[in-house]
């Protein structure tokens, strides 16, 4: 996982931990131009992680960004 994804993941995880879904949505929108339904899926998956590490969050973002490219 690249350092850039880990950095983005760290910021996104912090927003979700603070229960700031609006800010998380805006961040994802600016970061990747993800549609709202994909943003919801990413936030839901991150929220349900048993251990919210930067690697785990980066993996989720990476998974959805690859899906968007198809």
N, C-alpha and C. Protein backbone atom coordinates (compact mmCIF):
# COMPACT_ATOMS: atom_id res chain seq x y z
N UNK A 1 0.86 -1.18 0.00
CA UNK A 1 0.00 0.00 0.00
C UNK A 1 0.90 1.24 0.00
N UNK A 2 0.56 2.19 -0.82
CA UNK A 2 1.41 3.36 -0.93
C UNK A 2 1.26 4.29 0.28
N UNK A 3 2.27 5.11 0.48
CA UNK A 3 2.24 6.07 1.59
C UNK A 3 1.11 7.08 1.41
N UNK A 4 0.80 7.41 0.16
CA UNK A 4 -0.29 8.36 -0.10
C UNK A 4 -1.62 7.79 0.39
N UNK A 5 -1.91 6.51 0.06
CA UNK A 5 -3.16 5.89 0.51
C UNK A 5 -3.22 5.84 2.03
N UNK A 6 -2.09 5.51 2.65
CA UNK A 6 -2.07 5.44 4.11
C UNK A 6 -2.35 6.81 4.74
N UNK A 7 -1.81 7.86 4.14
CA UNK A 7 -2.05 9.21 4.64
C UNK A 7 -3.53 9.58 4.51
N UNK A 8 -4.11 9.32 3.35
CA UNK A 8 -5.53 9.59 3.15
C UNK A 8 -6.37 8.76 4.13
N UNK A 9 -5.97 7.52 4.30
CA UNK A 9 -6.69 6.63 5.20
C UNK A 9 -6.67 7.13 6.63
N UNK A 10 -5.52 7.63 7.06
CA UNK A 10 -5.40 8.15 8.43
C UNK A 10 -6.36 9.31 8.65
N UNK A 11 -6.41 10.23 7.69
CA UNK A 11 -7.31 11.38 7.82
C UNK A 11 -8.78 10.95 7.81
N UNK A 12 -9.12 10.04 6.92
CA UNK A 12 -10.50 9.58 6.84
C UNK A 12 -10.90 8.83 8.11
N UNK A 13 -10.03 7.99 8.62
CA UNK A 13 -10.33 7.24 9.84
C UNK A 13 -10.55 8.20 11.02
N UNK A 14 -9.76 9.25 11.10
CA UNK A 14 -9.93 10.24 12.17
C UNK A 14 -11.31 10.90 12.08
N UNK A 15 -11.74 11.24 10.88
CA UNK A 15 -13.05 11.86 10.70
C UNK A 15 -14.17 10.92 11.13
N UNK A 16 -14.03 9.65 10.78
CA UNK A 16 -15.06 8.68 11.13
C UNK A 16 -15.06 8.42 12.63
N UNK A 17 -13.89 8.34 13.25
CA UNK A 17 -13.80 8.15 14.70
C UNK A 17 -14.47 9.31 15.45
N UNK A 18 -14.39 10.51 14.85
CA UNK A 18 -15.02 11.69 15.46
C UNK A 18 -16.50 11.79 15.14
N UNK A 19 -17.05 10.76 14.48
CA UNK A 19 -18.45 10.73 14.07
C UNK A 19 -18.81 11.92 13.19
N UNK A 20 -17.90 12.32 12.34
CA UNK A 20 -18.13 13.44 11.44
C UNK A 20 -18.31 12.91 10.02
N UNK A 21 -19.49 12.28 9.79
CA UNK A 21 -19.75 11.67 8.49
C UNK A 21 -19.80 12.71 7.37
N UNK A 22 -20.33 13.89 7.66
CA UNK A 22 -20.40 14.93 6.63
C UNK A 22 -19.01 15.29 6.13
N UNK A 23 -18.10 15.49 7.05
CA UNK A 23 -16.72 15.83 6.69
C UNK A 23 -16.08 14.66 5.93
N UNK A 24 -16.36 13.43 6.37
CA UNK A 24 -15.81 12.26 5.70
C UNK A 24 -16.34 12.16 4.27
N UNK A 25 -17.62 12.43 4.09
CA UNK A 25 -18.20 12.41 2.74
C UNK A 25 -17.53 13.46 1.85
N UNK A 26 -17.38 14.66 2.38
CA UNK A 26 -16.76 15.74 1.60
C UNK A 26 -15.31 15.40 1.25
N UNK A 27 -14.61 14.79 2.20
CA UNK A 27 -13.22 14.40 1.98
C UNK A 27 -13.15 13.36 0.85
N UNK A 28 -13.99 12.35 0.92
CA UNK A 28 -14.00 11.33 -0.13
C UNK A 28 -14.39 11.92 -1.47
N UNK A 29 -15.34 12.82 -1.45
CA UNK A 29 -15.79 13.46 -2.69
C UNK A 29 -14.64 14.23 -3.34
N UNK A 30 -13.91 14.98 -2.53
CA UNK A 30 -12.79 15.75 -3.06
C UNK A 30 -11.62 14.86 -3.44
N UNK A 31 -11.40 13.83 -2.66
CA UNK A 31 -10.26 12.94 -2.87
C UNK A 31 -10.40 12.15 -4.17
N UNK A 32 -11.54 11.57 -4.39
CA UNK A 32 -11.69 10.63 -5.49
C UNK A 32 -12.89 10.87 -6.38
N UNK A 33 -13.69 11.83 -6.03
CA UNK A 33 -14.94 12.03 -6.75
C UNK A 33 -15.80 10.76 -6.74
N UNK A 34 -15.82 10.10 -5.57
CA UNK A 34 -16.67 8.93 -5.40
C UNK A 34 -18.13 9.35 -5.38
N UNK A 35 -19.01 8.59 -6.02
CA UNK A 35 -20.45 8.86 -5.88
C UNK A 35 -20.88 8.63 -4.43
N UNK A 36 -21.97 9.24 -4.06
CA UNK A 36 -22.44 9.18 -2.67
C UNK A 36 -22.65 7.74 -2.20
N UNK A 37 -23.19 6.87 -3.04
CA UNK A 37 -23.44 5.49 -2.61
C UNK A 37 -22.13 4.76 -2.30
N UNK A 38 -21.08 5.05 -3.06
CA UNK A 38 -19.77 4.44 -2.79
C UNK A 38 -19.18 5.03 -1.52
N UNK A 39 -19.36 6.34 -1.31
CA UNK A 39 -18.90 6.97 -0.07
C UNK A 39 -19.54 6.29 1.13
N UNK A 40 -20.86 6.05 1.03
CA UNK A 40 -21.57 5.37 2.12
C UNK A 40 -21.00 3.98 2.38
N UNK A 41 -20.70 3.25 1.31
CA UNK A 41 -20.13 1.91 1.47
C UNK A 41 -18.77 1.96 2.15
N UNK A 42 -17.94 2.91 1.73
CA UNK A 42 -16.60 3.04 2.33
C UNK A 42 -16.71 3.37 3.81
N UNK A 43 -17.55 4.34 4.14
CA UNK A 43 -17.72 4.75 5.54
C UNK A 43 -18.30 3.60 6.36
N UNK A 44 -19.25 2.87 5.81
CA UNK A 44 -19.85 1.72 6.51
C UNK A 44 -18.79 0.65 6.78
N UNK A 45 -17.99 0.34 5.77
CA UNK A 45 -16.95 -0.68 5.94
C UNK A 45 -15.91 -0.25 6.97
N UNK A 46 -15.51 1.01 6.93
CA UNK A 46 -14.54 1.50 7.91
C UNK A 46 -15.13 1.49 9.31
N UNK A 47 -16.39 1.88 9.42
CA UNK A 47 -17.06 1.92 10.73
C UNK A 47 -17.17 0.54 11.35
N UNK A 48 -17.24 -0.49 10.51
CA UNK A 48 -17.41 -1.84 11.06
C UNK A 48 -16.10 -2.59 11.25
N UNK A 49 -14.96 -1.93 11.01
CA UNK A 49 -13.67 -2.58 11.26
C UNK A 49 -13.49 -2.82 12.75
N UNK A 50 -12.99 -3.99 13.10
CA UNK A 50 -12.73 -4.26 14.52
C UNK A 50 -11.50 -3.50 15.00
N UNK A 51 -10.54 -3.29 14.11
CA UNK A 51 -9.34 -2.51 14.43
C UNK A 51 -9.12 -1.54 13.27
N UNK A 52 -9.35 -0.27 13.49
CA UNK A 52 -9.33 0.74 12.44
C UNK A 52 -7.91 1.26 12.23
N UNK A 53 -7.11 0.49 11.53
CA UNK A 53 -5.73 0.90 11.24
C UNK A 53 -5.68 1.62 9.89
N UNK A 54 -4.64 2.38 9.68
CA UNK A 54 -4.46 3.06 8.39
C UNK A 54 -4.38 2.07 7.24
N UNK A 55 -3.74 0.93 7.48
CA UNK A 55 -3.63 -0.09 6.44
C UNK A 55 -5.00 -0.63 6.05
N UNK A 56 -5.84 -0.89 7.05
CA UNK A 56 -7.18 -1.43 6.78
C UNK A 56 -8.03 -0.42 6.02
N UNK A 57 -7.96 0.84 6.43
CA UNK A 57 -8.74 1.89 5.76
C UNK A 57 -8.22 2.09 4.34
N UNK A 58 -6.91 2.11 4.18
CA UNK A 58 -6.32 2.28 2.85
C UNK A 58 -6.73 1.13 1.93
N UNK A 59 -6.80 -0.06 2.46
CA UNK A 59 -7.23 -1.21 1.68
C UNK A 59 -8.66 -1.05 1.19
N UNK A 60 -9.53 -0.56 2.05
CA UNK A 60 -10.94 -0.34 1.67
C UNK A 60 -11.04 0.73 0.58
N UNK A 61 -10.33 1.85 0.76
CA UNK A 61 -10.36 2.91 -0.25
C UNK A 61 -9.80 2.38 -1.57
N UNK A 62 -8.71 1.67 -1.50
CA UNK A 62 -8.09 1.10 -2.70
C UNK A 62 -9.06 0.17 -3.42
N UNK A 63 -9.74 -0.68 -2.66
CA UNK A 63 -10.70 -1.61 -3.24
C UNK A 63 -11.79 -0.86 -4.01
N UNK A 64 -12.35 0.17 -3.42
CA UNK A 64 -13.42 0.91 -4.07
C UNK A 64 -12.92 1.77 -5.22
N UNK A 65 -11.69 2.24 -5.15
CA UNK A 65 -11.17 3.05 -6.26
C UNK A 65 -10.89 2.16 -7.47
N UNK A 66 -10.48 0.95 -7.23
CA UNK A 66 -10.27 0.00 -8.34
C UNK A 66 -11.62 -0.36 -8.97
N UNK A 67 -12.64 -0.53 -8.15
CA UNK A 67 -13.97 -0.85 -8.67
C UNK A 67 -14.48 0.31 -9.54
N UNK A 68 -14.17 1.54 -9.15
CA UNK A 68 -14.63 2.71 -9.90
C UNK A 68 -13.96 2.80 -11.26
N UNK A 69 -12.74 2.29 -11.37
CA UNK A 69 -12.01 2.38 -12.64
C UNK A 69 -12.54 1.40 -13.67
N UNK A 70 -13.22 0.37 -13.24
CA UNK A 70 -13.72 -0.65 -14.17
C UNK A 70 -14.88 -0.14 -14.98
